[in-house]
Amino acid sequence: MSLTLSSPVAEAILKAAIHRALNVVEAETRALREGGGTDLKSFEYRKSQALLDLSRARQSVSSTALGQEVRDLLESLRIALMDNLQLLSRHLAAVKEIADLVAQSMLDADSDGTYARPFPEYLHD
């Protein structure tokens, strides 16, 4: 069900939703930069909620009727999301690298050495 609101009210609701989304994304980005035990699950929930709020607020406003302030906020959100994506990608790559090292260590520990490469000093004799 779509509710059509007067333009200033609908735009105010959309601006509030954009601000909430921006705050969540920037908070997660800060937490990732600071390191430590970041609870990404809570950020995942908050970002999902922000997306739902944005989707609902967006339905009440025509894209042609967006004011410059809303456009600027959306651009700020886009930039914050790109920054957040880049940082999350780096963290995921680091986790993958660590997981690969652990997996290789486990394989090496389980191996009896039958198929291991010979030591280089024995190749020259």
N, C-alpha and C. Protein backbone atom coordinates (compact mmCIF):
# COMPACT_ATOMS: atom_id res chain seq x y z
N MET A 1 0.85 -1.18 0.00
CA MET A 1 0.00 0.00 0.00
C MET A 1 0.89 1.23 0.00
N SER A 2 0.68 2.11 -0.93
CA SER A 2 1.47 3.32 -1.03
C SER A 2 0.67 4.50 -0.49
N LEU A 3 1.30 5.25 0.37
CA LEU A 3 0.66 6.41 0.97
C LEU A 3 1.29 7.65 0.36
N THR A 4 0.47 8.48 -0.27
CA THR A 4 0.99 9.70 -0.87
C THR A 4 0.82 10.83 0.12
N LEU A 5 1.93 11.46 0.47
CA LEU A 5 1.91 12.55 1.42
C LEU A 5 2.20 13.85 0.70
N SER A 6 1.91 14.95 1.39
CA SER A 6 2.26 16.23 0.79
C SER A 6 3.77 16.27 0.61
N SER A 7 4.22 16.98 -0.39
CA SER A 7 5.63 16.99 -0.75
C SER A 7 6.57 17.35 0.40
N PRO A 8 6.31 18.42 1.17
CA PRO A 8 7.24 18.75 2.26
C PRO A 8 7.29 17.66 3.34
N VAL A 9 6.15 17.06 3.65
CA VAL A 9 6.11 16.01 4.67
C VAL A 9 6.84 14.77 4.17
N ALA A 10 6.55 14.37 2.94
CA ALA A 10 7.20 13.19 2.37
C ALA A 10 8.71 13.40 2.26
N GLU A 11 9.11 14.60 1.87
CA GLU A 11 10.54 14.89 1.74
C GLU A 11 11.21 14.89 3.11
N ALA A 12 10.53 15.38 4.13
CA ALA A 12 11.09 15.38 5.49
C ALA A 12 11.28 13.95 5.99
N ILE A 13 10.31 13.09 5.69
CA ILE A 13 10.42 11.68 6.09
C ILE A 13 11.58 11.02 5.35
N LEU A 14 11.72 11.32 4.07
CA LEU A 14 12.83 10.76 3.29
C LEU A 14 14.17 11.26 3.81
N LYS A 15 14.27 12.54 4.13
CA LYS A 15 15.53 13.09 4.67
C LYS A 15 15.89 12.40 5.99
N ALA A 16 14.90 12.19 6.84
CA ALA A 16 15.16 11.53 8.12
C ALA A 16 15.66 10.10 7.89
N ALA A 17 15.06 9.40 6.93
CA ALA A 17 15.49 8.03 6.62
C ALA A 17 16.91 8.02 6.06
N ILE A 18 17.24 8.99 5.22
CA ILE A 18 18.60 9.07 4.67
C ILE A 18 19.60 9.35 5.78
N HIS A 19 19.25 10.26 6.68
CA HIS A 19 20.14 10.56 7.81
C HIS A 19 20.39 9.32 8.67
N ARG A 20 19.33 8.55 8.95
CA ARG A 20 19.49 7.33 9.75
C ARG A 20 20.41 6.34 9.03
N ALA A 21 20.20 6.16 7.74
CA ALA A 21 21.05 5.24 6.97
C ALA A 21 22.50 5.71 6.96
N LEU A 22 22.69 6.99 6.77
CA LEU A 22 24.04 7.57 6.75
C LEU A 22 24.73 7.37 8.10
N ASN A 23 23.99 7.58 9.18
CA ASN A 23 24.56 7.39 10.52
C ASN A 23 24.99 5.95 10.76
N VAL A 24 24.17 5.00 10.33
CA VAL A 24 24.51 3.58 10.52
C VAL A 24 25.75 3.21 9.71
N VAL A 25 25.78 3.62 8.45
CA VAL A 25 26.91 3.27 7.58
C VAL A 25 28.20 3.90 8.10
N GLU A 26 28.13 5.17 8.50
CA GLU A 26 29.32 5.84 9.02
C GLU A 26 29.78 5.23 10.34
N ALA A 27 28.83 4.81 11.19
CA ALA A 27 29.20 4.17 12.46
C ALA A 27 29.90 2.83 12.21
N GLU A 28 29.39 2.05 11.26
CA GLU A 28 30.04 0.77 10.94
C GLU A 28 31.43 1.00 10.37
N THR A 29 31.57 1.99 9.50
CA THR A 29 32.86 2.29 8.90
C THR A 29 33.86 2.70 9.97
N ARG A 30 33.43 3.55 10.90
CA ARG A 30 34.31 3.95 12.02
C ARG A 30 34.72 2.75 12.84
N ALA A 31 33.76 1.89 13.17
CA ALA A 31 34.05 0.70 13.98
C ALA A 31 35.04 -0.21 13.27
N LEU A 32 34.89 -0.38 11.97
CA LEU A 32 35.82 -1.22 11.22
C LEU A 32 37.22 -0.61 11.19
N ARG A 33 37.30 0.70 11.07
CA ARG A 33 38.61 1.36 11.05
C ARG A 33 39.30 1.27 12.40
N GLU A 34 38.52 1.33 13.48
CA GLU A 34 39.10 1.28 14.82
C GLU A 34 39.54 -0.12 15.18
N GLY A 35 39.02 -1.12 14.49
CA GLY A 35 39.40 -2.50 14.76
C GLY A 35 38.73 -3.02 16.02
N GLY A 36 39.29 -4.07 16.56
CA GLY A 36 38.72 -4.65 17.76
C GLY A 36 37.56 -5.57 17.43
N GLY A 37 36.77 -5.85 18.42
CA GLY A 37 35.66 -6.79 18.28
C GLY A 37 34.39 -6.12 17.81
N THR A 38 34.35 -5.74 16.55
CA THR A 38 33.18 -5.08 15.99
C THR A 38 32.06 -6.10 15.80
N ASP A 39 30.88 -5.78 16.32
CA ASP A 39 29.72 -6.65 16.17
C ASP A 39 29.03 -6.33 14.84
N LEU A 40 29.46 -6.98 13.78
CA LEU A 40 28.91 -6.70 12.46
C LEU A 40 27.46 -7.13 12.33
N LYS A 41 27.03 -8.09 13.14
CA LYS A 41 25.64 -8.56 13.08
C LYS A 41 24.68 -7.42 13.41
N SER A 42 25.01 -6.62 14.42
CA SER A 42 24.12 -5.52 14.78
C SER A 42 24.09 -4.47 13.67
N PHE A 43 25.24 -4.23 13.03
CA PHE A 43 25.26 -3.29 11.91
C PHE A 43 24.46 -3.84 10.73
N GLU A 44 24.56 -5.13 10.51
CA GLU A 44 23.79 -5.76 9.42
C GLU A 44 22.30 -5.53 9.63
N TYR A 45 21.83 -5.74 10.86
CA TYR A 45 20.42 -5.53 11.18
C TYR A 45 20.04 -4.06 10.99
N ARG A 46 20.87 -3.17 11.51
CA ARG A 46 20.57 -1.74 11.43
C ARG A 46 20.58 -1.24 9.98
N LYS A 47 21.49 -1.75 9.17
CA LYS A 47 21.51 -1.36 7.76
C LYS A 47 20.29 -1.91 7.02
N SER A 48 19.87 -3.12 7.35
CA SER A 48 18.67 -3.68 6.73
C SER A 48 17.44 -2.85 7.08
N GLN A 49 17.37 -2.45 8.35
CA GLN A 49 16.26 -1.61 8.79
C GLN A 49 16.29 -0.26 8.09
N ALA A 50 17.48 0.31 7.94
CA ALA A 50 17.62 1.60 7.25
C ALA A 50 17.19 1.48 5.79
N LEU A 51 17.54 0.37 5.14
CA LEU A 51 17.14 0.15 3.75
C LEU A 51 15.62 0.05 3.64
N LEU A 52 15.00 -0.64 4.58
CA LEU A 52 13.55 -0.75 4.59
C LEU A 52 12.91 0.63 4.77
N ASP A 53 13.44 1.41 5.72
CA ASP A 53 12.93 2.77 5.94
C ASP A 53 13.08 3.63 4.69
N LEU A 54 14.25 3.54 4.06
CA LEU A 54 14.48 4.31 2.83
C LEU A 54 13.51 3.90 1.72
N SER A 55 13.31 2.61 1.57
CA SER A 55 12.41 2.12 0.53
C SER A 55 10.99 2.62 0.75
N ARG A 56 10.55 2.57 1.98
CA ARG A 56 9.19 3.04 2.29
C ARG A 56 9.07 4.55 2.09
N ALA A 57 10.07 5.29 2.56
CA ALA A 57 10.02 6.75 2.43
C ALA A 57 10.11 7.17 0.97
N ARG A 58 10.85 6.44 0.19
CA ARG A 58 11.07 6.76 -1.22
C ARG A 58 9.79 6.61 -2.04
N GLN A 59 8.91 5.71 -1.62
CA GLN A 59 7.68 5.47 -2.37
C GLN A 59 6.74 6.68 -2.37
N SER A 60 6.89 7.56 -1.39
CA SER A 60 6.00 8.71 -1.26
C SER A 60 6.47 9.94 -2.01
N VAL A 61 7.67 9.88 -2.59
CA VAL A 61 8.25 11.06 -3.21
C VAL A 61 8.59 10.75 -4.67
N SER A 62 8.22 11.63 -5.55
CA SER A 62 8.58 11.49 -6.95
C SER A 62 10.05 11.87 -7.12
N SER A 63 10.77 11.10 -7.91
CA SER A 63 12.19 11.40 -8.10
C SER A 63 12.38 12.76 -8.78
N THR A 64 11.41 13.19 -9.54
CA THR A 64 11.51 14.51 -10.17
C THR A 64 11.24 15.64 -9.18
N ALA A 65 10.64 15.30 -8.04
CA ALA A 65 10.31 16.33 -7.05
C ALA A 65 11.35 16.45 -5.94
N LEU A 66 12.45 15.71 -6.05
CA LEU A 66 13.46 15.76 -4.99
C LEU A 66 14.16 17.11 -4.98
N GLY A 67 14.26 17.68 -3.79
CA GLY A 67 14.96 18.95 -3.65
C GLY A 67 16.47 18.73 -3.63
N GLN A 68 17.21 19.83 -3.73
CA GLN A 68 18.67 19.75 -3.76
C GLN A 68 19.22 19.17 -2.46
N GLU A 69 18.59 19.49 -1.33
CA GLU A 69 19.07 18.97 -0.05
C GLU A 69 18.99 17.44 -0.02
N VAL A 70 17.90 16.90 -0.53
CA VAL A 70 17.75 15.44 -0.58
C VAL A 70 18.77 14.84 -1.53
N ARG A 71 18.98 15.47 -2.66
CA ARG A 71 19.97 14.98 -3.63
C ARG A 71 21.38 14.99 -3.01
N ASP A 72 21.69 16.05 -2.26
CA ASP A 72 23.00 16.13 -1.59
C ASP A 72 23.14 15.04 -0.53
N LEU A 73 22.07 14.80 0.22
CA LEU A 73 22.10 13.74 1.23
C LEU A 73 22.29 12.37 0.57
N LEU A 74 21.60 12.15 -0.53
CA LEU A 74 21.75 10.88 -1.24
C LEU A 74 23.17 10.70 -1.77
N GLU A 75 23.78 11.78 -2.23
CA GLU A 75 25.17 11.72 -2.69
C GLU A 75 26.10 11.40 -1.52
N SER A 76 25.85 12.01 -0.37
CA SER A 76 26.65 11.71 0.83
C SER A 76 26.51 10.25 1.22
N LEU A 77 25.29 9.74 1.14
CA LEU A 77 25.05 8.33 1.45
C LEU A 77 25.77 7.43 0.45
N ARG A 78 25.73 7.79 -0.82
CA ARG A 78 26.42 7.00 -1.84
C ARG A 78 27.92 6.93 -1.57
N ILE A 79 28.51 8.07 -1.23
CA ILE A 79 29.95 8.11 -0.94
C ILE A 79 30.26 7.29 0.31
N ALA A 80 29.43 7.42 1.34
CA ALA A 80 29.64 6.65 2.57
C ALA A 80 29.52 5.16 2.31
N LEU A 81 28.57 4.77 1.47
CA LEU A 81 28.40 3.35 1.14
C LEU A 81 29.59 2.81 0.35
N MET A 82 30.13 3.60 -0.55
CA MET A 82 31.31 3.17 -1.32
C MET A 82 32.51 2.99 -0.39
N ASP A 83 32.69 3.90 0.53
CA ASP A 83 33.77 3.81 1.51
C ASP A 83 33.60 2.56 2.38
N ASN A 84 32.36 2.34 2.83
CA ASN A 84 32.04 1.19 3.65
C ASN A 84 32.28 -0.11 2.89
N LEU A 85 31.86 -0.15 1.63
CA LEU A 85 32.06 -1.34 0.80
C LEU A 85 33.54 -1.65 0.62
N GLN A 86 34.32 -0.62 0.36
CA GLN A 86 35.77 -0.81 0.18
C GLN A 86 36.40 -1.38 1.45
N LEU A 87 36.03 -0.84 2.59
CA LEU A 87 36.59 -1.31 3.85
C LEU A 87 36.13 -2.73 4.18
N LEU A 88 34.84 -3.01 3.97
CA LEU A 88 34.34 -4.37 4.19
C LEU A 88 35.03 -5.37 3.26
N SER A 89 35.27 -4.97 2.02
CA SER A 89 35.95 -5.85 1.07
C SER A 89 37.36 -6.18 1.53
N ARG A 90 38.05 -5.17 2.05
CA ARG A 90 39.41 -5.42 2.57
C ARG A 90 39.37 -6.37 3.75
N HIS A 91 38.40 -6.19 4.64
CA HIS A 91 38.29 -7.08 5.80
C HIS A 91 37.97 -8.51 5.36
N LEU A 92 37.08 -8.65 4.39
CA LEU A 92 36.75 -9.99 3.89
C LEU A 92 37.95 -10.65 3.22
N ALA A 93 38.72 -9.88 2.49
CA ALA A 93 39.93 -10.42 1.85
C ALA A 93 40.92 -10.89 2.91
N ALA A 94 41.05 -10.12 3.99
CA ALA A 94 41.97 -10.51 5.07
C ALA A 94 41.48 -11.78 5.75
N VAL A 95 40.18 -11.88 5.98
CA VAL A 95 39.62 -13.09 6.60
C VAL A 95 39.85 -14.29 5.69
N LYS A 96 39.66 -14.12 4.39
CA LYS A 96 39.89 -15.22 3.45
C LYS A 96 41.35 -15.65 3.47
N GLU A 97 42.24 -14.69 3.50
CA GLU A 97 43.67 -15.01 3.53
C GLU A 97 44.03 -15.80 4.79
N ILE A 98 43.50 -15.39 5.92
CA ILE A 98 43.76 -16.10 7.17
C ILE A 98 43.15 -17.50 7.12
N ALA A 99 41.93 -17.61 6.60
CA ALA A 99 41.28 -18.92 6.50
C ALA A 99 42.08 -19.85 5.58
N ASP A 100 42.60 -19.31 4.48
CA ASP A 100 43.43 -20.12 3.58
C ASP A 100 44.70 -20.60 4.27
N LEU A 101 45.33 -19.72 5.05
CA LEU A 101 46.54 -20.11 5.79
C LEU A 101 46.25 -21.20 6.81
N VAL A 102 45.15 -21.05 7.52
CA VAL A 102 44.77 -22.06 8.52
C VAL A 102 44.47 -23.39 7.82
N ALA A 103 43.72 -23.33 6.72
CA ALA A 103 43.40 -24.56 5.99
C ALA A 103 44.66 -25.25 5.48
N GLN A 104 45.59 -24.47 4.94
CA GLN A 104 46.84 -25.05 4.44
C GLN A 104 47.66 -25.64 5.59
N SER A 105 47.68 -24.97 6.72
CA SER A 105 48.40 -25.50 7.89
C SER A 105 47.80 -26.81 8.36
N MET A 106 46.47 -26.90 8.32
CA MET A 106 45.81 -28.14 8.72
C MET A 106 46.15 -29.27 7.74
N LEU A 107 46.15 -28.95 6.45
CA LEU A 107 46.51 -29.97 5.45
C LEU A 107 47.95 -30.42 5.63
N ASP A 108 48.85 -29.46 5.87
CA ASP A 108 50.25 -29.79 6.07
C ASP A 108 50.45 -30.66 7.31
N ALA A 109 49.70 -30.39 8.35
CA ALA A 109 49.82 -31.15 9.59
C ALA A 109 49.31 -32.58 9.41
N ASP A 110 48.30 -32.75 8.55
CA ASP A 110 47.74 -34.08 8.32
C ASP A 110 48.54 -34.90 7.31
N SER A 111 49.38 -34.25 6.54
CA SER A 111 50.12 -34.93 5.48
C SER A 111 51.26 -35.77 6.08
N ASP A 112 51.52 -36.93 5.46
CA ASP A 112 52.65 -37.75 5.91
C ASP A 112 53.91 -37.44 5.11
N GLY A 113 53.82 -36.49 4.18
CA GLY A 113 54.99 -36.06 3.42
C GLY A 113 55.24 -36.84 2.16
N THR A 114 54.42 -37.82 1.84
CA THR A 114 54.64 -38.66 0.67
C THR A 114 54.71 -37.84 -0.62
N TYR A 115 53.85 -36.86 -0.74
CA TYR A 115 53.79 -36.09 -1.98
C TYR A 115 54.43 -34.72 -1.84
N ALA A 116 55.18 -34.51 -0.81
CA ALA A 116 55.84 -33.22 -0.60
C ALA A 116 57.01 -33.08 -1.56
N ARG A 117 57.33 -31.83 -1.91
CA ARG A 117 58.50 -31.59 -2.75
C ARG A 117 59.76 -31.93 -1.97
N PRO A 118 60.78 -32.45 -2.65
CA PRO A 118 62.04 -32.76 -1.95
C PRO A 118 62.72 -31.48 -1.50
N PHE A 119 63.55 -31.61 -0.48
CA PHE A 119 64.31 -30.46 0.01
C PHE A 119 65.29 -30.02 -1.06
N PRO A 120 65.47 -28.73 -1.25
CA PRO A 120 66.36 -28.24 -2.32
C PRO A 120 67.79 -28.74 -2.20
N GLU A 121 68.33 -28.96 -1.00
CA GLU A 121 69.72 -29.38 -0.88
C GLU A 121 69.95 -30.79 -1.44
N TYR A 122 68.91 -31.62 -1.53
CA TYR A 122 69.06 -32.96 -2.08
C TYR A 122 69.00 -32.97 -3.60
N LEU A 123 68.53 -31.91 -4.19
CA LEU A 123 68.42 -31.85 -5.65
C LEU A 123 69.77 -31.68 -6.33
N HIS A 124 70.74 -31.14 -5.62
CA HIS A 124 72.03 -30.83 -6.23
C HIS A 124 73.04 -31.97 -6.08
N ASP A 125 72.76 -33.02 -5.39
CA ASP A 125 73.71 -34.13 -5.19
C ASP A 125 73.73 -35.11 -6.32
